[in-house]
């Protein structure tokens, strides 16, 4: 008697395990820097998010006449100084790893290159690591953050000078780190701020507030021909020389 034929059962391979869903960043999230970066990298469409004192801040859209133009003027001023000062690096919106709970993107920053003895460097991932010597923020709707949690973050991280341009108030605050606290940098009788961290970095505050860039550049040029700037450049050049 013949054996009845049987149809082999189809074997369905198990589905591969699905990767866990990465939660999106949300304003106000409390995260470690590692988790902040993991979520940020999973959101390539996101233009800007910052971790300040362990809290996520996601800025609102930027207006041209209340932020973008002033931002450009700040970078023009800092950039001209960097051009004339070898060993000094300038950046715009650079992700900056300050600590395990702080990773801002300052509107502008200036620092002495780590190879010349500076306290900040560009790490293997291409991010700024450590506290820049100078940070600048354009504050329109973000004044409470820039003069609150961000000021605390920059102070505790060792940022030497911090500039906040309060656009709506038509005012520029310049803080210097002394004894672990930010203090107001005195403005000279001629209305010019003179940086302590960067000799020759001079700012005509009234001209900057008025958008008078020729006057801003003129004041800076006076700083760049000062004996203090010449001595600073000589020091930076010697710090890059190979040791005997």
C-alpha atoms as a PDB file:
ATOM      1  CA  UNK A   1       0.000   0.000   0.000  1.00  0.00           C
ATOM      2  CA  UNK A   2       1.414   3.440  -0.959  1.00  0.00           C
ATOM      3  CA  UNK A   3       2.222   6.046   1.676  1.00  0.00           C
ATOM      4  CA  UNK A   4       0.165   9.250   1.300  1.00  0.00           C
ATOM      5  CA  UNK A   5       2.224  12.250   0.252  1.00  0.00           C
ATOM      6  CA  UNK A   6       2.601  15.138   2.687  1.00  0.00           C
ATOM      7  CA  UNK A   7       3.167  18.789   1.908  1.00  0.00           C
ATOM      8  CA  UNK A   8       6.147  20.154   3.816  1.00  0.00           C
ATOM      9  CA  UNK A   9       5.240  23.000   6.089  1.00  0.00           C
ATOM     10  CA  UNK A  10       6.735  26.374   5.220  1.00  0.00           C
ATOM     11  CA  UNK A  11       9.244  27.504   7.772  1.00  0.00           C
ATOM     12  CA  UNK A  12       8.940  31.245   8.473  1.00  0.00           C
ATOM     13  CA  UNK A  13      12.201  32.711   9.724  1.00  0.00           C
ATOM     14  CA  UNK A  14      11.916  34.852  12.843  1.00  0.00           C
ATOM     15  CA  UNK A  15      11.754  38.572  12.260  1.00  0.00           C
ATOM     16  CA  UNK A  16      14.974  40.411  13.048  1.00  0.00           C
ATOM     17  CA  UNK A  17      14.794  42.378  16.264  1.00  0.00           C
ATOM     18  CA  UNK A  18      13.802  45.971  15.710  1.00  0.00           C
ATOM     19  CA  UNK A  19      16.044  48.707  17.003  1.00  0.00           C
ATOM     20  CA  UNK A  20      14.604  50.563  19.955  1.00  0.00           C
ATOM     21  CA  UNK A  21      12.932  53.823  18.968  1.00  0.00           C
ATOM     22  CA  UNK A  22      14.985  56.867  19.841  1.00  0.00           C
ATOM     23  CA  UNK A  23      12.767  59.470  21.517  1.00  0.00           C
ATOM     24  CA  UNK A  24      12.790  62.926  19.924  1.00  0.00           C
ATOM     25  CA  UNK A  25      14.259  65.876  21.736  1.00  0.00           C
ATOM     26  CA  UNK A  26      11.644  67.980  23.485  1.00  0.00           C
ATOM     27  CA  UNK A  27      12.026  71.420  24.975  1.00  0.00           C
ATOM     28  CA  UNK A  28      12.559  71.055  28.730  1.00  0.00           C
ATOM     29  CA  UNK A  29      13.849  67.461  28.639  1.00  0.00           C
ATOM     30  CA  UNK A  30      16.355  66.695  31.402  1.00  0.00           C
ATOM     31  CA  UNK A  31      19.134  64.599  29.877  1.00  0.00           C
ATOM     32  CA  UNK A  32      22.768  63.657  30.171  1.00  0.00           C
ATOM     33  CA  UNK A  33      25.049  64.959  27.440  1.00  0.00           C
ATOM     34  CA  UNK A  34      25.403  61.430  26.027  1.00  0.00           C
ATOM     35  CA  UNK A  35      21.626  60.981  25.698  1.00  0.00           C
ATOM     36  CA  UNK A  36      21.217  64.513  24.373  1.00  0.00           C
ATOM     37  CA  UNK A  37      23.710  63.796  21.576  1.00  0.00           C
ATOM     38  CA  UNK A  38      22.065  60.431  20.789  1.00  0.00           C
ATOM     39  CA  UNK A  39      18.663  62.057  20.300  1.00  0.00           C
ATOM     40  CA  UNK A  40      20.092  65.083  18.472  1.00  0.00           C
ATOM     41  CA  UNK A  41      21.912  62.882  15.942  1.00  0.00           C
ATOM     42  CA  UNK A  42      18.651  61.027  15.261  1.00  0.00           C
ATOM     43  CA  UNK A  43      16.962  64.300  14.242  1.00  0.00           C
ATOM     44  CA  UNK A  44      18.954  65.571  11.228  1.00  0.00           C
ATOM     45  CA  UNK A  45      16.166  68.028  10.343  1.00  0.00           C
ATOM     46  CA  UNK A  46      16.626  69.861  13.650  1.00  0.00           C
ATOM     47  CA  UNK A  47      18.645  73.043  13.194  1.00  0.00           C
ATOM     48  CA  UNK A  48      19.520  73.871  16.792  1.00  0.00           C
ATOM     49  CA  UNK A  49      19.102  72.436  20.269  1.00  0.00           C
ATOM     50  CA  UNK A  50      21.179  73.094  23.350  1.00  0.00           C
ATOM     51  CA  UNK A  51      21.779  71.334  26.657  1.00  0.00           C
ATOM     52  CA  UNK A  52      22.131  73.867  29.461  1.00  0.00           C
ATOM     53  CA  UNK A  53      22.583  72.685  33.035  1.00  0.00           C
ATOM     54  CA  UNK A  54      21.064  69.338  32.025  1.00  0.00           C
ATOM     55  CA  UNK A  55      17.943  70.874  30.413  1.00  0.00           C
ATOM     56  CA  UNK A  56      17.151  70.888  26.667  1.00  0.00           C
ATOM     57  CA  UNK A  57      16.448  74.281  25.074  1.00  0.00           C
ATOM     58  CA  UNK A  58      15.128  74.517  21.525  1.00  0.00           C
ATOM     59  CA  UNK A  59      15.103  78.128  20.302  1.00  0.00           C
ATOM     60  CA  UNK A  60      12.237  79.660  18.379  1.00  0.00           C
ATOM     61  CA  UNK A  61      12.633  80.708  14.693  1.00  0.00           C
ATOM     62  CA  UNK A  62      15.136  83.527  14.159  1.00  0.00           C
ATOM     63  CA  UNK A  63      14.067  86.954  12.903  1.00  0.00           C
ATOM     64  CA  UNK A  64      16.426  88.820  10.614  1.00  0.00           C
ATOM     65  CA  UNK A  65      16.180  92.239  12.263  1.00  0.00           C
ATOM     66  CA  UNK A  66      16.192  90.967  15.856  1.00  0.00           C
ATOM     67  CA  UNK A  67      18.878  88.305  15.665  1.00  0.00           C
ATOM     68  CA  UNK A  68      20.309  87.226  12.317  1.00  0.00           C
ATOM     69  CA  UNK A  69      21.750  90.592  11.295  1.00  0.00           C
ATOM     70  CA  UNK A  70      23.239  91.272  14.730  1.00  0.00           C
ATOM     71  CA  UNK A  71      24.648  87.751  14.722  1.00  0.00           C
ATOM     72  CA  UNK A  72      26.414  88.484  11.439  1.00  0.00           C
ATOM     73  CA  UNK A  73      27.864  91.731  12.799  1.00  0.00           C
ATOM     74  CA  UNK A  74      29.204  89.888  15.854  1.00  0.00           C
ATOM     75  CA  UNK A  75      30.944  87.323  13.646  1.00  0.00           C
ATOM     76  CA  UNK A  76      32.379  90.026  11.350  1.00  0.00           C
ATOM     77  CA  UNK A  77      33.908  91.739  14.391  1.00  0.00           C
ATOM     78  CA  UNK A  78      35.303  88.538  15.936  1.00  0.00           C
ATOM     79  CA  UNK A  79      36.445  87.262  12.534  1.00  0.00           C
ATOM     80  CA  UNK A  80      38.454  90.395  11.803  1.00  0.00           C
ATOM     81  CA  UNK A  81      40.223  89.959  15.132  1.00  0.00           C
ATOM     82  CA  UNK A  82      41.002  86.303  14.396  1.00  0.00           C
ATOM     83  CA  UNK A  83      42.426  87.210  10.973  1.00  0.00           C
ATOM     84  CA  UNK A  84      44.923  89.545  12.643  1.00  0.00           C
ATOM     85  CA  UNK A  85      45.751  87.234  15.552  1.00  0.00           C
ATOM     86  CA  UNK A  86      47.451  83.932  14.626  1.00  0.00           C
ATOM     87  CA  UNK A  87      46.554  81.054  16.911  1.00  0.00           C
ATOM     88  CA  UNK A  88      43.082  82.414  17.714  1.00  0.00           C
ATOM     89  CA  UNK A  89      40.073  80.567  16.294  1.00  0.00           C
ATOM     90  CA  UNK A  90      36.578  81.931  15.711  1.00  0.00           C
ATOM     91  CA  UNK A  91      33.347  79.978  15.397  1.00  0.00           C
ATOM     92  CA  UNK A  92      29.647  80.460  14.685  1.00  0.00           C
ATOM     93  CA  UNK A  93      27.017  78.187  16.270  1.00  0.00           C
ATOM     94  CA  UNK A  94      29.597  75.514  17.074  1.00  0.00           C
ATOM     95  CA  UNK A  95      28.466  72.653  19.283  1.00  0.00           C
ATOM     96  CA  UNK A  96      30.555  73.067  22.428  1.00  0.00           C
ATOM     97  CA  UNK A  97      31.093  70.269  24.935  1.00  0.00           C
ATOM     98  CA  UNK A  98      31.509  72.117  28.199  1.00  0.00           C
ATOM     99  CA  UNK A  99      30.617  69.371  30.688  1.00  0.00           C
ATOM    100  CA  UNK A 100      28.441  66.298  31.144  1.00  0.00           C
ATOM    101  CA  UNK A 101      25.359  68.518  31.515  1.00  0.00           C
ATOM    102  CA  UNK A 102      26.214  71.399  29.183  1.00  0.00           C
ATOM    103  CA  UNK A 103      26.445  71.399  25.392  1.00  0.00           C
ATOM    104  CA  UNK A 104      25.437  74.799  23.970  1.00  0.00           C
ATOM    105  CA  UNK A 105      25.778  76.230  20.472  1.00  0.00           C
ATOM    106  CA  UNK A 106      26.984  79.791  21.110  1.00  0.00           C
ATOM    107  CA  UNK A 107      26.157  82.419  18.508  1.00  0.00           C
ATOM    108  CA  UNK A 108      29.855  83.305  18.431  1.00  0.00           C
ATOM    109  CA  UNK A 109      32.983  82.104  20.169  1.00  0.00           C
ATOM    110  CA  UNK A 110      36.688  82.880  20.215  1.00  0.00           C
ATOM    111  CA  UNK A 111      39.456  80.788  21.704  1.00  0.00           C
ATOM    112  CA  UNK A 112      43.198  80.331  21.699  1.00  0.00           C
ATOM    113  CA  UNK A 113      43.969  77.061  19.928  1.00  0.00           C
ATOM    114  CA  UNK A 114      44.817  74.236  22.309  1.00  0.00           C
ATOM    115  CA  UNK A 115      48.142  73.638  20.547  1.00  0.00           C
ATOM    116  CA  UNK A 116      49.135  77.122  21.685  1.00  0.00           C
ATOM    117  CA  UNK A 117      48.180  76.528  25.277  1.00  0.00           C
ATOM    118  CA  UNK A 118      44.487  77.475  25.110  1.00  0.00           C
ATOM    119  CA  UNK A 119      41.856  75.897  27.327  1.00  0.00           C
ATOM    120  CA  UNK A 120      39.605  74.756  24.445  1.00  0.00           C
ATOM    121  CA  UNK A 121      40.308  72.498  21.481  1.00  0.00           C
ATOM    122  CA  UNK A 122      38.530  70.833  18.582  1.00  0.00           C
ATOM    123  CA  UNK A 123      38.067  67.162  19.476  1.00  0.00           C
ATOM    124  CA  UNK A 124      38.187  64.073  17.265  1.00  0.00           C
ATOM    125  CA  UNK A 125      34.461  64.412  16.468  1.00  0.00           C
ATOM    126  CA  UNK A 126      34.940  67.976  15.232  1.00  0.00           C
ATOM    127  CA  UNK A 127      33.231  69.620  18.204  1.00  0.00           C
ATOM    128  CA  UNK A 128      34.678  72.246  20.513  1.00  0.00           C
ATOM    129  CA  UNK A 129      35.744  70.628  23.786  1.00  0.00           C
ATOM    130  CA  UNK A 130      36.383  72.736  26.854  1.00  0.00           C
ATOM    131  CA  UNK A 131      35.491  76.322  27.613  1.00  0.00           C
ATOM    132  CA  UNK A 132      36.137  78.910  24.868  1.00  0.00           C
ATOM    133  CA  UNK A 133      37.907  82.011  26.127  1.00  0.00           C
ATOM    134  CA  UNK A 134      35.074  84.238  24.883  1.00  0.00           C
ATOM    135  CA  UNK A 135      31.444  83.510  24.066  1.00  0.00           C
ATOM    136  CA  UNK A 136      28.884  85.880  22.529  1.00  0.00           C
ATOM    137  CA  UNK A 137      25.107  85.468  22.452  1.00  0.00           C
ATOM    138  CA  UNK A 138      22.455  87.512  20.638  1.00  0.00           C
ATOM    139  CA  UNK A 139      19.508  87.764  23.019  1.00  0.00           C
ATOM    140  CA  UNK A 140      16.101  88.815  21.753  1.00  0.00           C
ATOM    141  CA  UNK A 141      13.418  86.461  23.082  1.00  0.00           C
ATOM    142  CA  UNK A 142      16.107  84.437  24.871  1.00  0.00           C
ATOM    143  CA  UNK A 143      17.282  87.077  27.381  1.00  0.00           C
ATOM    144  CA  UNK A 144      16.056  85.110  30.401  1.00  0.00           C
ATOM    145  CA  UNK A 145      18.023  82.055  29.252  1.00  0.00           C
ATOM    146  CA  UNK A 146      21.161  83.915  28.186  1.00  0.00           C
ATOM    147  CA  UNK A 147      21.363  85.851  31.461  1.00  0.00           C
ATOM    148  CA  UNK A 148      20.109  82.926  33.536  1.00  0.00           C
ATOM    149  CA  UNK A 149      21.019  79.257  32.954  1.00  0.00           C
ATOM    150  CA  UNK A 150      23.500  80.008  30.163  1.00  0.00           C
ATOM    151  CA  UNK A 151      25.367  82.564  32.239  1.00  0.00           C
ATOM    152  CA  UNK A 152      25.613  79.994  35.048  1.00  0.00           C
ATOM    153  CA  UNK A 153      26.791  77.330  32.601  1.00  0.00           C
ATOM    154  CA  UNK A 154      29.471  79.510  31.015  1.00  0.00           C
ATOM    155  CA  UNK A 155      30.667  80.804  34.381  1.00  0.00           C
ATOM    156  CA  UNK A 156      30.926  77.349  35.968  1.00  0.00           C
ATOM    157  CA  UNK A 157      32.659  75.947  32.875  1.00  0.00           C
ATOM    158  CA  UNK A 158      35.403  78.583  32.955  1.00  0.00           C
ATOM    159  CA  UNK A 159      34.481  80.810  29.997  1.00  0.00           C
ATOM    160  CA  UNK A 160      36.706  83.840  30.583  1.00  0.00           C
ATOM    161  CA  UNK A 161      34.510  86.476  28.930  1.00  0.00           C
ATOM    162  CA  UNK A 162      30.828  86.453  28.040  1.00  0.00           C
ATOM    163  CA  UNK A 163      29.066  89.010  25.823  1.00  0.00           C
ATOM    164  CA  UNK A 164      25.269  89.276  25.737  1.00  0.00           C
ATOM    165  CA  UNK A 165      23.729  91.611  23.166  1.00  0.00           C
ATOM    166  CA  UNK A 166      20.217  92.404  24.406  1.00  0.00           C
ATOM    167  CA  UNK A 167      18.693  93.469  21.103  1.00  0.00           C
ATOM    168  CA  UNK A 168      15.327  94.692  22.354  1.00  0.00           C
ATOM    169  CA  UNK A 169      16.973  96.635  25.198  1.00  0.00           C
ATOM    170  CA  UNK A 170      19.605  98.095  22.831  1.00  0.00           C
ATOM    171  CA  UNK A 171      22.339  97.131  25.276  1.00  0.00           C
ATOM    172  CA  UNK A 172      25.492  95.031  25.325  1.00  0.00           C
ATOM    173  CA  UNK A 173      26.668  93.334  28.526  1.00  0.00           C
ATOM    174  CA  UNK A 174      30.288  92.185  28.731  1.00  0.00           C
ATOM    175  CA  UNK A 175      31.216  89.940  31.647  1.00  0.00           C
ATOM    176  CA  UNK A 176      34.686  88.821  32.745  1.00  0.00           C
ATOM    177  CA  UNK A 177      35.429  85.862  34.999  1.00  0.00           C
ATOM    178  CA  UNK A 178      37.136  86.891  38.214  1.00  0.00           C
ATOM    179  CA  UNK A 179      37.435  84.674  41.247  1.00  0.00           C
ATOM    180  CA  UNK A 180      34.873  82.226  39.882  1.00  0.00           C
ATOM    181  CA  UNK A 181      32.236  84.931  39.301  1.00  0.00           C
ATOM    182  CA  UNK A 182      31.224  87.028  36.305  1.00  0.00           C
ATOM    183  CA  UNK A 183      31.712  90.744  36.784  1.00  0.00           C
ATOM    184  CA  UNK A 184      30.857  93.582  34.417  1.00  0.00           C
ATOM    185  CA  UNK A 185      33.783  94.703  32.269  1.00  0.00           C
ATOM    186  CA  UNK A 186      34.149  98.474  32.679  1.00  0.00           C
ATOM    187  CA  UNK A 187      33.625 100.507  29.532  1.00  0.00           C
ATOM    188  CA  UNK A 188      36.153 103.273  28.930  1.00  0.00           C
ATOM    189  CA  UNK A 189      35.327 106.982  28.817  1.00  0.00           C
ATOM    190  CA  UNK A 190      35.391 106.853  25.012  1.00  0.00           C
ATOM    191  CA  UNK A 191      32.660 104.184  24.991  1.00  0.00           C
ATOM    192  CA  UNK A 192      34.970 101.332  24.017  1.00  0.00           C
ATOM    193  CA  UNK A 193      35.124  97.900  25.642  1.00  0.00           C
ATOM    194  CA  UNK A 194      38.655  96.457  25.807  1.00  0.00           C
ATOM    195  CA  UNK A 195      38.879  92.704  26.248  1.00  0.00           C
ATOM    196  CA  UNK A 196      41.112  91.342  28.997  1.00  0.00           C
ATOM    197  CA  UNK A 197      41.329  87.833  27.525  1.00  0.00           C
ATOM    198  CA  UNK A 198      42.158  89.071  24.014  1.00  0.00           C
ATOM    199  CA  UNK A 199      44.359  92.173  23.996  1.00  0.00           C
ATOM    200  CA  UNK A 200      43.375  94.433  21.101  1.00  0.00           C
ATOM    201  CA  UNK A 201      39.815  93.150  20.874  1.00  0.00           C
ATOM    202  CA  UNK A 202      38.110  96.519  21.205  1.00  0.00           C
ATOM    203  CA  UNK A 203      34.417  97.200  20.727  1.00  0.00           C
ATOM    204  CA  UNK A 204      32.711 100.528  20.177  1.00  0.00           C
ATOM    205  CA  UNK A 205      29.432  99.492  21.810  1.00  0.00           C
ATOM    206  CA  UNK A 206      27.357 102.448  20.582  1.00  0.00           C
ATOM    207  CA  UNK A 207      28.511 101.883  16.996  1.00  0.00           C
ATOM    208  CA  UNK A 208      27.674  98.170  17.173  1.00  0.00           C
ATOM    209  CA  UNK A 209      24.217  98.881  18.573  1.00  0.00           C
ATOM    210  CA  UNK A 210      23.632 101.387  15.765  1.00  0.00           C
ATOM    211  CA  UNK A 211      24.809  98.961  13.101  1.00  0.00           C
ATOM    212  CA  UNK A 212      27.650 101.312  12.158  1.00  0.00           C
ATOM    213  CA  UNK A 213      30.141  98.652  11.087  1.00  0.00           C
ATOM    214  CA  UNK A 214      32.757 101.089   9.695  1.00  0.00           C
ATOM    215  CA  UNK A 215      33.055 102.618  13.174  1.00  0.00           C
ATOM    216  CA  UNK A 216      33.114  99.156  14.762  1.00  0.00           C
ATOM    217  CA  UNK A 217      35.961  98.096  12.475  1.00  0.00           C
ATOM    218  CA  UNK A 218      37.756 101.404  13.032  1.00  0.00           C
ATOM    219  CA  UNK A 219      37.764 100.886  16.814  1.00  0.00           C
ATOM    220  CA  UNK A 220      38.956  97.327  16.336  1.00  0.00           C
ATOM    221  CA  UNK A 221      41.764  98.483  14.050  1.00  0.00           C
ATOM    222  CA  UNK A 222      42.972 100.844  16.797  1.00  0.00           C
ATOM    223  CA  UNK A 223      43.108  97.838  19.109  1.00  0.00           C
ATOM    224  CA  UNK A 224      44.987  95.755  16.558  1.00  0.00           C
ATOM    225  CA  UNK A 225      47.794  98.320  16.293  1.00  0.00           C
ATOM    226  CA  UNK A 226      48.122  98.659  20.067  1.00  0.00           C
ATOM    227  CA  UNK A 227      51.298  97.510  21.870  1.00  0.00           C
ATOM    228  CA  UNK A 228      49.157  95.075  23.891  1.00  0.00           C
ATOM    229  CA  UNK A 229      48.022  93.259  20.755  1.00  0.00           C
ATOM    230  CA  UNK A 230      51.567  93.120  19.366  1.00  0.00           C
ATOM    231  CA  UNK A 231      52.786  91.553  22.628  1.00  0.00           C
ATOM    232  CA  UNK A 232      49.919  89.034  22.561  1.00  0.00           C
ATOM    233  CA  UNK A 233      50.708  87.999  18.986  1.00  0.00           C
ATOM    234  CA  UNK A 234      54.384  87.551  19.897  1.00  0.00           C
ATOM    235  CA  UNK A 235      53.386  85.365  22.853  1.00  0.00           C
ATOM    236  CA  UNK A 236      51.111  83.210  20.683  1.00  0.00           C
ATOM    237  CA  UNK A 237      53.823  82.763  18.065  1.00  0.00           C
ATOM    238  CA  UNK A 238      56.372  81.713  20.663  1.00  0.00           C
ATOM    239  CA  UNK A 239      53.928  79.234  22.217  1.00  0.00           C
ATOM    240  CA  UNK A 240      53.677  77.430  18.863  1.00  0.00           C
ATOM    241  CA  UNK A 241      57.441  77.096  18.478  1.00  0.00           C
ATOM    242  CA  UNK A 242      58.754  73.529  18.925  1.00  0.00           C
ATOM    243  CA  UNK A 243      60.497  72.927  22.236  1.00  0.00           C
ATOM    244  CA  UNK A 244      64.235  72.372  22.154  1.00  0.00           C
END
